[in-house]
Amino acid sequence: MNELSARPAADGFGGEFEVFVAIDLGTNNCRLLAATPSASGFRVLAGYSKVVRLGEGLAQSGRLCGAARARTIAALREFVSRLSDFPRAQIRCVATQACRVADNSAAFLDEVRERTGLSFTIIDAREEAELAALGCLGLIDSSAEAALIVDIGGGSVEAIWARRTGAVEFFHSAPVGVSILSERFARAPEGGEGDYDAMVAAARACFADAATQDQRAMLADGRAHVIGTSGTVTGLAGVHLGLTRYKRSKVDGVWLSDEACALATRRMREMNRAERAAHPCIGPDRADFVLAGCAILEGVLSVWPCPRIRVADRGLREGVLMRMIAARAAERAAHERG
């Protein structure tokens, strides 16, 4: 685990507190979340996100290109500088789909360590699913037995069936992330109707054999529901709510009916790229990818129909933090017993 040397942070009483940091390096985005333990789990101290497009051209070349590597290292150096006001933070850095499949990911992560001091672990799809489920656990409705968590990433999509207890009973990972589908189908700036329909079909095909009759029945009768975690789903919620400025407090945990989700998708599809880029809940960084994300969600929901979807502005990073904090608490308890 990384440690970042910095001056202590005051807790308001003249003391110091522990800081835990999770950094998630995905195919499109690099995200950081810093937090300190609290009675309710953890209190967020800082959060940063940067679109780095690490997976640019990866589907064609099988390698992380030089420009994408440079963008990512620059973003990580910025993250390290932003953490300078925190104490000796315990940091876990995880890399997902782009680094799982790229031929040169080991050399790239060696370069990252040399130039930033951050050591990344490439996690497999199973651990990614478990961490995303852990991060979203608090959004499973208390009246439901389970939830299908749909994590739409840049390089892959995870469909995770999680019980309210936190047990992951099933997961299915497919390499149909928004970067992959955008490069494959939506090369034109606006994308045509045929492009969108083809993306929906591609996503549906990847998950068509994954759903069980029992899962479909539980979703249909309300014993389970869908949780969507991604910039696509939070963007859909912002469009649905008519937000003039993105507010996590209004988006995280909000419910969307299947009709509301379809209407917000239609509104996004009616926008041109400039309008999507100007929208406060989409923005220029997501303007090229959000329609692919909508198509993925539509494809997945055609396999697991559900009358309601809960929106999560949380996921993998929160799961990493929760696991780190739990491990630290167990270590402290063992020390006290000893």
C-alpha atoms as a PDB file:
ATOM      1  CA  MET A   1       0.000   0.000   0.000  1.00  0.00           C
ATOM      2  CA  ASN A   2       1.282   3.450  -0.878  1.00  0.00           C
ATOM      3  CA  GLU A   3       2.016   6.091   1.742  1.00  0.00           C
ATOM      4  CA  LEU A   4       2.086   9.771   0.951  1.00  0.00           C
ATOM      5  CA  SER A   5       4.227  11.914   3.223  1.00  0.00           C
ATOM      6  CA  ALA A   6       2.636  15.228   4.092  1.00  0.00           C
ATOM      7  CA  ARG A   7       2.023  17.484   7.024  1.00  0.00           C
ATOM      8  CA  PRO A   8      -0.640  16.340   9.530  1.00  0.00           C
ATOM      9  CA  ALA A   9      -4.256  17.379   9.127  1.00  0.00           C
ATOM     10  CA  ALA A  10      -6.090  18.754  12.141  1.00  0.00           C
ATOM     11  CA  ASP A  11      -9.280  17.062  13.266  1.00  0.00           C
ATOM     12  CA  GLY A  12     -10.640  20.213  14.925  1.00  0.00           C
ATOM     13  CA  PHE A  13      -9.416  19.226  18.368  1.00  0.00           C
ATOM     14  CA  GLY A  14      -5.692  19.723  17.915  1.00  0.00           C
ATOM     15  CA  GLY A  15      -5.080  16.105  16.944  1.00  0.00           C
ATOM     16  CA  GLU A  16      -4.603  14.145  13.767  1.00  0.00           C
ATOM     17  CA  PHE A  17      -6.809  11.747  11.892  1.00  0.00           C
ATOM     18  CA  GLU A  18      -6.194   8.902   9.519  1.00  0.00           C
ATOM     19  CA  VAL A  19      -6.747   9.507   5.834  1.00  0.00           C
ATOM     20  CA  PHE A  20      -7.479   6.781   3.315  1.00  0.00           C
ATOM     21  CA  VAL A  21      -7.241   7.392  -0.417  1.00  0.00           C
ATOM     22  CA  ALA A  22      -8.581   5.318  -3.289  1.00  0.00           C
ATOM     23  CA  ILE A  23      -7.408   5.965  -6.852  1.00  0.00           C
ATOM     24  CA  ASP A  24      -9.219   4.201  -9.666  1.00  0.00           C
ATOM     25  CA  LEU A  25      -7.561   4.169 -13.084  1.00  0.00           C
ATOM     26  CA  GLY A  26     -10.132   3.223 -15.681  1.00  0.00           C
ATOM     27  CA  THR A  27     -10.276   3.197 -19.448  1.00  0.00           C
ATOM     28  CA  ASN A  28     -11.690   6.717 -19.701  1.00  0.00           C
ATOM     29  CA  ASN A  29     -11.347   8.311 -16.295  1.00  0.00           C
ATOM     30  CA  CYS A  30      -8.932   8.503 -13.429  1.00  0.00           C
ATOM     31  CA  ARG A  31     -10.653   9.161 -10.101  1.00  0.00           C
ATOM     32  CA  LEU A  32      -9.490   9.866  -6.573  1.00  0.00           C
ATOM     33  CA  LEU A  33     -11.412   9.818  -3.316  1.00  0.00           C
ATOM     34  CA  ALA A  34      -9.908  10.749   0.055  1.00  0.00           C
ATOM     35  CA  ALA A  35     -11.791  10.068   3.271  1.00  0.00           C
ATOM     36  CA  THR A  36     -11.471   9.586   6.990  1.00  0.00           C
ATOM     37  CA  PRO A  37     -13.381   6.969   9.029  1.00  0.00           C
ATOM     38  CA  SER A  38     -16.607   8.050  10.731  1.00  0.00           C
ATOM     39  CA  ALA A  39     -19.410   6.445  12.683  1.00  0.00           C
ATOM     40  CA  SER A  40     -21.414   6.047   9.464  1.00  0.00           C
ATOM     41  CA  GLY A  41     -18.493   4.588   7.509  1.00  0.00           C
ATOM     42  CA  PHE A  42     -16.341   7.428   6.217  1.00  0.00           C
ATOM     43  CA  ARG A  43     -16.380  11.163   5.665  1.00  0.00           C
ATOM     44  CA  VAL A  44     -15.194  12.407   2.293  1.00  0.00           C
ATOM     45  CA  LEU A  45     -12.352  14.923   2.436  1.00  0.00           C
ATOM     46  CA  ALA A  46     -11.686  15.369  -1.274  1.00  0.00           C
ATOM     47  CA  GLY A  47     -12.655  13.906  -4.602  1.00  0.00           C
ATOM     48  CA  TYR A  48     -11.138  14.470  -8.029  1.00  0.00           C
ATOM     49  CA  SER A  49     -11.841  13.076 -11.458  1.00  0.00           C
ATOM     50  CA  LYS A  50      -9.976  13.528 -14.699  1.00  0.00           C
ATOM     51  CA  VAL A  51     -10.827  12.230 -18.153  1.00  0.00           C
ATOM     52  CA  VAL A  52      -7.583  10.713 -19.462  1.00  0.00           C
ATOM     53  CA  ARG A  53      -8.887   8.380 -22.209  1.00  0.00           C
ATOM     54  CA  LEU A  54      -6.243   5.802 -21.389  1.00  0.00           C
ATOM     55  CA  GLY A  55      -7.941   3.309 -23.676  1.00  0.00           C
ATOM     56  CA  GLU A  56      -7.712   5.511 -26.777  1.00  0.00           C
ATOM     57  CA  GLY A  57      -7.076   3.219 -29.750  1.00  0.00           C
ATOM     58  CA  LEU A  58      -6.619   0.189 -27.492  1.00  0.00           C
ATOM     59  CA  ALA A  59      -9.239  -1.906 -29.264  1.00  0.00           C
ATOM     60  CA  GLN A  60      -7.343  -1.559 -32.550  1.00  0.00           C
ATOM     61  CA  SER A  61      -3.731  -1.745 -31.381  1.00  0.00           C
ATOM     62  CA  GLY A  62      -3.897  -3.782 -28.181  1.00  0.00           C
ATOM     63  CA  ARG A  63      -1.545  -1.234 -26.584  1.00  0.00           C
ATOM     64  CA  LEU A  64      -1.730   1.951 -24.515  1.00  0.00           C
ATOM     65  CA  CYS A  65      -0.653   4.732 -26.864  1.00  0.00           C
ATOM     66  CA  GLY A  66       1.931   7.376 -25.964  1.00  0.00           C
ATOM     67  CA  ALA A  67      -0.493  10.295 -25.851  1.00  0.00           C
ATOM     68  CA  ALA A  68      -2.878   8.447 -23.525  1.00  0.00           C
ATOM     69  CA  ARG A  69      -0.018   7.402 -21.251  1.00  0.00           C
ATOM     70  CA  ALA A  70       1.233  10.997 -21.057  1.00  0.00           C
ATOM     71  CA  ARG A  71      -2.246  12.334 -20.226  1.00  0.00           C
ATOM     72  CA  THR A  72      -2.674   9.767 -17.483  1.00  0.00           C
ATOM     73  CA  ILE A  73       0.693  10.412 -15.864  1.00  0.00           C
ATOM     74  CA  ALA A  74       0.039  14.163 -15.922  1.00  0.00           C
ATOM     75  CA  ALA A  75      -3.308  13.618 -14.183  1.00  0.00           C
ATOM     76  CA  LEU A  76      -1.754  11.356 -11.544  1.00  0.00           C
ATOM     77  CA  ARG A  77       0.985  13.886 -10.829  1.00  0.00           C
ATOM     78  CA  GLU A  78      -1.755  16.457 -10.296  1.00  0.00           C
ATOM     79  CA  PHE A  79      -3.538  14.085  -7.917  1.00  0.00           C
ATOM     80  CA  VAL A  80      -0.376  13.640  -5.865  1.00  0.00           C
ATOM     81  CA  SER A  81       0.112  17.400  -5.617  1.00  0.00           C
ATOM     82  CA  ARG A  82      -3.499  17.853  -4.478  1.00  0.00           C
ATOM     83  CA  LEU A  83      -2.938  15.386  -1.641  1.00  0.00           C
ATOM     84  CA  SER A  84      -0.065  17.363  -0.160  1.00  0.00           C
ATOM     85  CA  ASP A  85      -2.208  18.841   2.625  1.00  0.00           C
ATOM     86  CA  PHE A  86      -3.126  15.445   4.045  1.00  0.00           C
ATOM     87  CA  PRO A  87      -1.173  13.399   6.589  1.00  0.00           C
ATOM     88  CA  ARG A  88       0.521  10.096   5.836  1.00  0.00           C
ATOM     89  CA  ALA A  89      -2.431   8.853   3.851  1.00  0.00           C
ATOM     90  CA  GLN A  90      -2.838   5.165   3.182  1.00  0.00           C
ATOM     91  CA  ILE A  91      -3.434   4.876  -0.546  1.00  0.00           C
ATOM     92  CA  ARG A  92      -4.670   2.009  -2.661  1.00  0.00           C
ATOM     93  CA  CYS A  93      -4.415   2.426  -6.424  1.00  0.00           C
ATOM     94  CA  VAL A  94      -6.323   0.037  -8.672  1.00  0.00           C
ATOM     95  CA  ALA A  95      -6.345  -0.266 -12.456  1.00  0.00           C
ATOM     96  CA  THR A  96      -9.123  -1.952 -14.397  1.00  0.00           C
ATOM     97  CA  GLN A  97     -10.014  -3.008 -17.934  1.00  0.00           C
ATOM     98  CA  ALA A  98      -7.569  -0.985 -20.057  1.00  0.00           C
ATOM     99  CA  CYS A  99      -4.605  -2.212 -18.034  1.00  0.00           C
ATOM    100  CA  ARG A 100      -6.020  -5.737 -17.883  1.00  0.00           C
ATOM    101  CA  VAL A 101      -5.948  -6.137 -21.650  1.00  0.00           C
ATOM    102  CA  ALA A 102      -3.117  -3.874 -22.896  1.00  0.00           C
ATOM    103  CA  ASP A 103       0.105  -5.619 -23.924  1.00  0.00           C
ATOM    104  CA  ASN A 104       2.245  -2.839 -22.458  1.00  0.00           C
ATOM    105  CA  SER A 105       0.379  -2.184 -19.206  1.00  0.00           C
ATOM    106  CA  ALA A 106       3.197  -3.540 -16.995  1.00  0.00           C
ATOM    107  CA  ALA A 107       5.740  -1.162 -18.559  1.00  0.00           C
ATOM    108  CA  PHE A 108       3.264   1.703 -18.278  1.00  0.00           C
ATOM    109  CA  LEU A 109       2.574   1.091 -14.582  1.00  0.00           C
ATOM    110  CA  ASP A 110       6.320   0.872 -13.937  1.00  0.00           C
ATOM    111  CA  GLU A 111       6.623   4.316 -15.528  1.00  0.00           C
ATOM    112  CA  VAL A 112       3.741   5.586 -13.391  1.00  0.00           C
ATOM    113  CA  ARG A 113       5.500   4.386 -10.230  1.00  0.00           C
ATOM    114  CA  GLU A 114       8.782   6.001 -11.243  1.00  0.00           C
ATOM    115  CA  ARG A 115       7.234   9.358 -12.139  1.00  0.00           C
ATOM    116  CA  THR A 116       4.501   9.679  -9.497  1.00  0.00           C
ATOM    117  CA  GLY A 117       5.427   7.329  -6.652  1.00  0.00           C
ATOM    118  CA  LEU A 118       2.052   5.568  -6.988  1.00  0.00           C
ATOM    119  CA  SER A 119       1.943   1.781  -7.266  1.00  0.00           C
ATOM    120  CA  PHE A 120      -1.097   0.372  -9.056  1.00  0.00           C
ATOM    121  CA  THR A 121      -2.536  -3.103  -8.777  1.00  0.00           C
ATOM    122  CA  ILE A 122      -4.427  -4.458 -11.774  1.00  0.00           C
ATOM    123  CA  ILE A 123      -7.564  -6.027 -10.319  1.00  0.00           C
ATOM    124  CA  ASP A 124      -9.482  -8.742 -12.110  1.00  0.00           C
ATOM    125  CA  ALA A 125     -13.130  -8.452 -13.135  1.00  0.00           C
ATOM    126  CA  ARG A 126     -14.304 -10.392 -10.076  1.00  0.00           C
ATOM    127  CA  GLU A 127     -12.650  -8.022  -7.610  1.00  0.00           C
ATOM    128  CA  GLU A 128     -13.864  -5.014  -9.578  1.00  0.00           C
ATOM    129  CA  ALA A 129     -17.420  -6.351  -9.327  1.00  0.00           C
ATOM    130  CA  GLU A 130     -17.113  -7.021  -5.587  1.00  0.00           C
ATOM    131  CA  LEU A 131     -15.719  -3.561  -4.878  1.00  0.00           C
ATOM    132  CA  ALA A 132     -18.389  -1.835  -6.971  1.00  0.00           C
ATOM    133  CA  ALA A 133     -21.082  -3.815  -5.161  1.00  0.00           C
ATOM    134  CA  LEU A 134     -19.595  -2.914  -1.784  1.00  0.00           C
ATOM    135  CA  GLY A 135     -19.553   0.764  -2.729  1.00  0.00           C
ATOM    136  CA  CYS A 136     -23.207   0.665  -3.809  1.00  0.00           C
ATOM    137  CA  LEU A 137     -24.470  -1.522  -0.965  1.00  0.00           C
ATOM    138  CA  GLY A 138     -26.085   1.380   0.889  1.00  0.00           C
ATOM    139  CA  LEU A 139     -28.397   2.052  -2.067  1.00  0.00           C
ATOM    140  CA  ILE A 140     -30.117  -1.337  -2.075  1.00  0.00           C
ATOM    141  CA  ASP A 141     -33.690  -0.635  -1.006  1.00  0.00           C
ATOM    142  CA  SER A 142     -34.430  -1.970   2.470  1.00  0.00           C
ATOM    143  CA  SER A 143     -37.584  -3.604   1.087  1.00  0.00           C
ATOM    144  CA  ALA A 144     -35.664  -5.470  -1.613  1.00  0.00           C
ATOM    145  CA  GLU A 145     -33.822  -8.747  -1.341  1.00  0.00           C
ATOM    146  CA  ALA A 146     -31.208  -7.966  -3.978  1.00  0.00           C
ATOM    147  CA  ALA A 147     -30.093  -5.553  -6.679  1.00  0.00           C
ATOM    148  CA  LEU A 148     -28.609  -5.826 -10.127  1.00  0.00           C
ATOM    149  CA  ILE A 149     -25.730  -3.336 -10.119  1.00  0.00           C
ATOM    150  CA  VAL A 150     -24.832  -2.191 -13.630  1.00  0.00           C
ATOM    151  CA  ASP A 151     -21.374  -0.597 -13.719  1.00  0.00           C
ATOM    152  CA  ILE A 152     -20.806   1.015 -17.119  1.00  0.00           C
ATOM    153  CA  GLY A 153     -17.118   1.713 -17.606  1.00  0.00           C
ATOM    154  CA  GLY A 154     -14.984   2.886 -20.470  1.00  0.00           C
ATOM    155  CA  GLY A 155     -13.602  -0.535 -21.353  1.00  0.00           C
ATOM    156  CA  SER A 156     -16.040  -2.979 -19.811  1.00  0.00           C
ATOM    157  CA  VAL A 157     -19.468  -3.322 -18.237  1.00  0.00           C
ATOM    158  CA  GLU A 158     -20.139  -5.357 -15.116  1.00  0.00           C
ATOM    159  CA  ALA A 159     -23.567  -6.713 -14.242  1.00  0.00           C
ATOM    160  CA  ILE A 160     -23.497  -7.731 -10.580  1.00  0.00           C
ATOM    161  CA  TRP A 161     -26.256  -9.511  -8.683  1.00  0.00           C
ATOM    162  CA  ALA A 162     -25.791  -8.571  -5.021  1.00  0.00           C
ATOM    163  CA  ARG A 163     -27.881  -9.485  -2.003  1.00  0.00           C
ATOM    164  CA  ARG A 164     -28.784  -6.869   0.582  1.00  0.00           C
ATOM    165  CA  THR A 165     -26.320  -8.617   2.897  1.00  0.00           C
ATOM    166  CA  GLY A 166     -23.520  -7.656   0.500  1.00  0.00           C
ATOM    167  CA  ALA A 167     -22.999 -11.137  -0.923  1.00  0.00           C
ATOM    168  CA  VAL A 168     -22.230 -11.123  -4.645  1.00  0.00           C
ATOM    169  CA  GLU A 169     -24.075 -14.130  -6.042  1.00  0.00           C
ATOM    170  CA  PHE A 170     -23.337 -13.513  -9.690  1.00  0.00           C
ATOM    171  CA  PHE A 171     -21.427 -11.203 -11.967  1.00  0.00           C
ATOM    172  CA  HIS A 172     -20.907 -10.976 -15.685  1.00  0.00           C
ATOM    173  CA  SER A 173     -18.256  -8.760 -17.261  1.00  0.00           C
ATOM    174  CA  ALA A 174     -18.317  -7.833 -20.946  1.00  0.00           C
ATOM    175  CA  PRO A 175     -15.805  -5.758 -22.974  1.00  0.00           C
ATOM    176  CA  VAL A 176     -18.420  -3.321 -24.284  1.00  0.00           C
ATOM    177  CA  GLY A 177     -17.535  -0.128 -22.417  1.00  0.00           C
ATOM    178  CA  VAL A 178     -18.369   3.313 -23.757  1.00  0.00           C
ATOM    179  CA  SER A 179     -14.923   3.821 -25.309  1.00  0.00           C
ATOM    180  CA  ILE A 180     -15.094   0.491 -27.112  1.00  0.00           C
ATOM    181  CA  LEU A 181     -18.563   1.051 -28.544  1.00  0.00           C
ATOM    182  CA  SER A 182     -17.904   4.686 -29.407  1.00  0.00           C
ATOM    183  CA  GLU A 183     -14.807   3.763 -31.400  1.00  0.00           C
ATOM    184  CA  ARG A 184     -16.594   0.852 -33.068  1.00  0.00           C
ATOM    185  CA  PHE A 185     -19.926   2.450 -33.959  1.00  0.00           C
ATOM    186  CA  ALA A 186     -20.022   6.206 -33.352  1.00  0.00           C
ATOM    187  CA  ARG A 187     -17.115   7.624 -35.323  1.00  0.00           C
ATOM    188  CA  ALA A 188     -19.263  10.354 -36.838  1.00  0.00           C
ATOM    189  CA  PRO A 189     -19.546  13.438 -34.579  1.00  0.00           C
ATOM    190  CA  GLU A 190     -23.292  13.117 -34.177  1.00  0.00           C
ATOM    191  CA  GLY A 191     -23.768   9.367 -34.641  1.00  0.00           C
ATOM    192  CA  GLY A 192     -26.741   8.111 -36.613  1.00  0.00           C
ATOM    193  CA  GLU A 193     -29.811   6.127 -35.609  1.00  0.00           C
ATOM    194  CA  GLY A 194     -28.192   3.028 -37.038  1.00  0.00           C
ATOM    195  CA  ASP A 195     -25.115   3.557 -34.868  1.00  0.00           C
ATOM    196  CA  TYR A 196     -27.219   3.787 -31.718  1.00  0.00           C
ATOM    197  CA  ASP A 197     -29.337   0.741 -32.552  1.00  0.00           C
ATOM    198  CA  ALA A 198     -26.182  -1.233 -33.346  1.00  0.00           C
ATOM    199  CA  MET A 199     -24.686  -0.312 -29.973  1.00  0.00           C
ATOM    200  CA  VAL A 200     -27.861  -1.436 -28.163  1.00  0.00           C
ATOM    201  CA  ALA A 201     -27.752  -4.738 -30.036  1.00  0.00           C
ATOM    202  CA  ALA A 202     -24.056  -5.247 -29.221  1.00  0.00           C
ATOM    203  CA  ALA A 203     -24.660  -4.679 -25.519  1.00  0.00           C
ATOM    204  CA  ARG A 204     -27.724  -6.922 -25.494  1.00  0.00           C
ATOM    205  CA  ALA A 205     -25.793  -9.714 -27.197  1.00  0.00           C
ATOM    206  CA  CYS A 206     -23.063  -9.631 -24.531  1.00  0.00           C
ATOM    207  CA  PHE A 207     -25.562 -10.200 -21.709  1.00  0.00           C
ATOM    208  CA  ALA A 208     -28.372 -12.136 -23.401  1.00  0.00           C
ATOM    209  CA  ASP A 209     -27.378 -15.502 -21.906  1.00  0.00           C
ATOM    210  CA  ALA A 210     -26.451 -14.142 -18.467  1.00  0.00           C
ATOM    211  CA  ALA A 211     -29.871 -13.427 -16.946  1.00  0.00           C
ATOM    212  CA  THR A 212     -31.825 -16.118 -15.116  1.00  0.00           C
ATOM    213  CA  GLN A 213     -35.581 -16.494 -14.930  1.00  0.00           C
ATOM    214  CA  ASP A 214     -35.424 -16.061 -11.157  1.00  0.00           C
ATOM    215  CA  GLN A 215     -33.586 -12.748 -11.508  1.00  0.00           C
ATOM    216  CA  ARG A 216     -36.114 -11.479 -14.051  1.00  0.00           C
ATOM    217  CA  ALA A 217     -38.992 -12.523 -11.802  1.00  0.00           C
ATOM    218  CA  MET A 218     -37.502 -10.764  -8.770  1.00  0.00           C
ATOM    219  CA  LEU A 219     -37.015  -7.559 -10.769  1.00  0.00           C
ATOM    220  CA  ALA A 220     -40.539  -7.728 -12.170  1.00  0.00           C
ATOM    221  CA  ASP A 221     -42.287  -8.162  -8.815  1.00  0.00           C
ATOM    222  CA  GLY A 222     -40.173  -5.661  -6.857  1.00  0.00           C
ATOM    223  CA  ARG A 223     -38.107  -8.063  -4.794  1.00  0.00           C
ATOM    224  CA  ALA A 224     -35.051  -6.650  -6.564  1.00  0.00           C
ATOM    225  CA  HIS A 225     -34.179  -3.518  -8.512  1.00  0.00           C
ATOM    226  CA  VAL A 226     -31.441  -2.111 -10.717  1.00  0.00           C
ATOM    227  CA  ILE A 227     -28.692   0.232  -9.516  1.00  0.00           C
ATOM    228  CA  GLY A 228     -26.821   2.090 -12.243  1.00  0.00           C
ATOM    229  CA  THR A 229     -23.347   3.398 -11.466  1.00  0.00           C
ATOM    230  CA  SER A 230     -21.545   5.452 -14.110  1.00  0.00           C
ATOM    231  CA  GLY A 231     -21.291   8.910 -15.576  1.00  0.00           C
ATOM    232  CA  THR A 232     -23.930   7.832 -18.081  1.00  0.00           C
ATOM    233  CA  VAL A 233     -26.518   7.089 -15.411  1.00  0.00           C
ATOM    234  CA  THR A 234     -25.781  10.173 -13.323  1.00  0.00           C
ATOM    235  CA  GLY A 235     -26.023  12.199 -16.541  1.00  0.00           C
ATOM    236  CA  LEU A 236     -29.409  10.673 -17.307  1.00  0.00           C
ATOM    237  CA  ALA A 237     -30.568  11.597 -13.814  1.00  0.00           C
ATOM    238  CA  GLY A 238     -29.356  15.177 -14.224  1.00  0.00           C
ATOM    239  CA  VAL A 239     -31.184  15.509 -17.540  1.00  0.00           C
ATOM    240  CA  HIS A 240     -34.342  14.002 -16.035  1.00  0.00           C
ATOM    241  CA  LEU A 241     -34.212  16.355 -13.038  1.00  0.00           C
ATOM    242  CA  GLY A 242     -33.532  19.383 -15.225  1.00  0.00           C
ATOM    243  CA  LEU A 243     -30.501  20.401 -13.184  1.00  0.00           C
ATOM    244  CA  THR A 244     -28.773  23.591 -14.268  1.00  0.00           C
ATOM    245  CA  ARG A 245     -25.731  22.494 -12.280  1.00  0.00           C
ATOM    246  CA  TYR A 246     -24.694  18.981 -11.346  1.00  0.00           C
ATOM    247  CA  LYS A 247     -25.282  18.265  -7.653  1.00  0.00           C
ATOM    248  CA  ARG A 248     -24.287  14.908  -6.256  1.00  0.00           C
ATOM    249  CA  SER A 249     -26.707  15.294  -3.339  1.00  0.00           C
ATOM    250  CA  LYS A 250     -29.633  15.487  -5.761  1.00  0.00           C
ATOM    251  CA  VAL A 251     -28.460  12.663  -8.020  1.00  0.00           C
ATOM    252  CA  ASP A 252     -26.974   9.971  -5.775  1.00  0.00           C
ATOM    253  CA  GLY A 253     -29.800   7.677  -4.667  1.00  0.00           C
ATOM    254  CA  VAL A 254     -32.533   9.165  -6.859  1.00  0.00           C
ATOM    255  CA  TRP A 255     -35.010   6.757  -8.424  1.00  0.00           C
ATOM    256  CA  LEU A 256     -35.835   6.723 -12.132  1.00  0.00           C
ATOM    257  CA  SER A 257     -38.753   4.810 -13.565  1.00  0.00           C
ATOM    258  CA  ASP A 258     -38.064   2.899 -16.757  1.00  0.00           C
ATOM    259  CA  GLU A 259     -40.241   5.464 -18.573  1.00  0.00           C
ATOM    260  CA  ALA A 260     -38.255   8.379 -17.125  1.00  0.00           C
ATOM    261  CA  CYS A 261     -34.993   6.705 -18.093  1.00  0.00           C
ATOM    262  CA  ALA A 262     -36.228   6.177 -21.660  1.00  0.00           C
ATOM    263  CA  LEU A 263     -37.401   9.801 -21.907  1.00  0.00           C
ATOM    264  CA  ALA A 264     -34.070  11.184 -20.652  1.00  0.00           C
ATOM    265  CA  THR A 265     -32.269   8.940 -23.150  1.00  0.00           C
ATOM    266  CA  ARG A 266     -34.454  10.273 -25.949  1.00  0.00           C
ATOM    267  CA  ARG A 267     -33.660  13.838 -24.917  1.00  0.00           C
ATOM    268  CA  MET A 268     -29.920  13.090 -24.991  1.00  0.00           C
ATOM    269  CA  ARG A 269     -30.234  11.526 -28.428  1.00  0.00           C
ATOM    270  CA  GLU A 270     -32.015  14.612 -29.719  1.00  0.00           C
ATOM    271  CA  MET A 271     -29.093  16.815 -28.662  1.00  0.00           C
ATOM    272  CA  ASN A 272     -26.206  17.423 -31.027  1.00  0.00           C
ATOM    273  CA  ARG A 273     -22.667  17.087 -29.730  1.00  0.00           C
ATOM    274  CA  ALA A 274     -22.343  20.793 -28.901  1.00  0.00           C
ATOM    275  CA  GLU A 275     -25.559  20.676 -26.877  1.00  0.00           C
ATOM    276  CA  ARG A 276     -24.393  17.602 -24.986  1.00  0.00           C
ATOM    277  CA  ALA A 277     -21.039  19.255 -24.290  1.00  0.00           C
ATOM    278  CA  ALA A 278     -22.789  22.365 -22.973  1.00  0.00           C
ATOM    279  CA  HIS A 279     -25.135  20.445 -20.698  1.00  0.00           C
ATOM    280  CA  PRO A 280     -24.026  20.813 -17.043  1.00  0.00           C
ATOM    281  CA  CYS A 281     -24.660  17.125 -16.308  1.00  0.00           C
ATOM    282  CA  ILE A 282     -22.825  15.809 -19.374  1.00  0.00           C
ATOM    283  CA  GLY A 283     -20.048  18.219 -20.360  1.00  0.00           C
ATOM    284  CA  PRO A 284     -17.392  18.138 -23.071  1.00  0.00           C
ATOM    285  CA  ASP A 285     -15.497  15.188 -21.603  1.00  0.00           C
ATOM    286  CA  ARG A 286     -18.525  12.879 -21.794  1.00  0.00           C
ATOM    287  CA  ALA A 287     -20.188  14.304 -24.904  1.00  0.00           C
ATOM    288  CA  ASP A 288     -18.572  11.709 -27.169  1.00  0.00           C
ATOM    289  CA  PHE A 289     -19.365   8.731 -24.937  1.00  0.00           C
ATOM    290  CA  VAL A 290     -22.709   9.303 -23.254  1.00  0.00           C
ATOM    291  CA  LEU A 291     -24.826   7.938 -26.113  1.00  0.00           C
ATOM    292  CA  ALA A 292     -22.820   4.724 -26.070  1.00  0.00           C
ATOM    293  CA  GLY A 293     -23.494   4.547 -22.339  1.00  0.00           C
ATOM    294  CA  CYS A 294     -27.218   5.058 -22.909  1.00  0.00           C
ATOM    295  CA  ALA A 295     -27.170   2.289 -25.518  1.00  0.00           C
ATOM    296  CA  ILE A 296     -25.389  -0.057 -23.098  1.00  0.00           C
ATOM    297  CA  LEU A 297     -27.919   0.641 -20.356  1.00  0.00           C
ATOM    298  CA  GLU A 298     -30.796   0.092 -22.786  1.00  0.00           C
ATOM    299  CA  GLY A 299     -29.259  -3.173 -23.950  1.00  0.00           C
ATOM    300  CA  VAL A 300     -28.730  -4.440 -20.412  1.00  0.00           C
ATOM    301  CA  LEU A 301     -32.255  -3.445 -19.342  1.00  0.00           C
ATOM    302  CA  SER A 302     -33.689  -5.341 -22.312  1.00  0.00           C
ATOM    303  CA  VAL A 303     -32.117  -8.463 -20.790  1.00  0.00           C
ATOM    304  CA  TRP A 304     -33.089  -7.626 -17.181  1.00  0.00           C
ATOM    305  CA  PRO A 305     -36.315  -5.555 -17.497  1.00  0.00           C
ATOM    306  CA  CYS A 306     -37.032  -3.533 -14.364  1.00  0.00           C
ATOM    307  CA  PRO A 307     -39.645  -0.835 -13.651  1.00  0.00           C
ATOM    308  CA  ARG A 308     -37.280   1.274 -11.541  1.00  0.00           C
ATOM    309  CA  ILE A 309     -33.602   2.159 -11.476  1.00  0.00           C
ATOM    310  CA  ARG A 310     -31.660   3.729  -8.626  1.00  0.00           C
ATOM    311  CA  VAL A 311     -28.847   6.093  -9.568  1.00  0.00           C
ATOM    312  CA  ALA A 312     -25.465   5.759  -7.850  1.00  0.00           C
ATOM    313  CA  ASP A 313     -22.820   8.445  -7.817  1.00  0.00           C
ATOM    314  CA  ARG A 314     -20.599   5.949  -6.032  1.00  0.00           C
ATOM    315  CA  GLY A 315     -19.046   2.578  -6.716  1.00  0.00           C
ATOM    316  CA  LEU A 316     -15.543   1.191  -7.061  1.00  0.00           C
ATOM    317  CA  ARG A 317     -13.660   3.936  -5.187  1.00  0.00           C
ATOM    318  CA  GLU A 318     -16.065   3.800  -2.268  1.00  0.00           C
ATOM    319  CA  GLY A 319     -15.710   0.029  -2.165  1.00  0.00           C
ATOM    320  CA  VAL A 320     -11.924   0.339  -2.056  1.00  0.00           C
ATOM    321  CA  LEU A 321     -12.170   2.825   0.824  1.00  0.00           C
ATOM    322  CA  MET A 322     -14.616   0.676   2.774  1.00  0.00           C
ATOM    323  CA  ARG A 323     -12.374  -2.367   2.459  1.00  0.00           C
ATOM    324  CA  MET A 324      -9.283  -0.378   3.513  1.00  0.00           C
ATOM    325  CA  ILE A 325     -11.030   1.098   6.537  1.00  0.00           C
ATOM    326  CA  ALA A 326     -12.398  -2.294   7.594  1.00  0.00           C
ATOM    327  CA  ALA A 327      -8.937  -3.848   7.317  1.00  0.00           C
ATOM    328  CA  ARG A 328      -7.445  -1.052   9.412  1.00  0.00           C
ATOM    329  CA  ALA A 329     -10.153  -1.454  12.064  1.00  0.00           C
ATOM    330  CA  ALA A 330      -9.503  -5.196  12.230  1.00  0.00           C
ATOM    331  CA  GLU A 331      -5.771  -4.576  12.543  1.00  0.00           C
ATOM    332  CA  ARG A 332      -6.333  -2.105  15.370  1.00  0.00           C
ATOM    333  CA  ALA A 333      -8.697  -4.475  17.190  1.00  0.00           C
ATOM    334  CA  ALA A 334      -6.192  -7.310  16.914  1.00  0.00           C
ATOM    335  CA  HIS A 335      -3.453  -5.044  18.266  1.00  0.00           C
ATOM    336  CA  GLU A 336      -5.613  -4.050  21.234  1.00  0.00           C
ATOM    337  CA  ARG A 337      -6.419  -7.687  22.007  1.00  0.00           C
ATOM    338  CA  GLY A 338      -2.707  -8.506  21.812  1.00  0.00           C
END
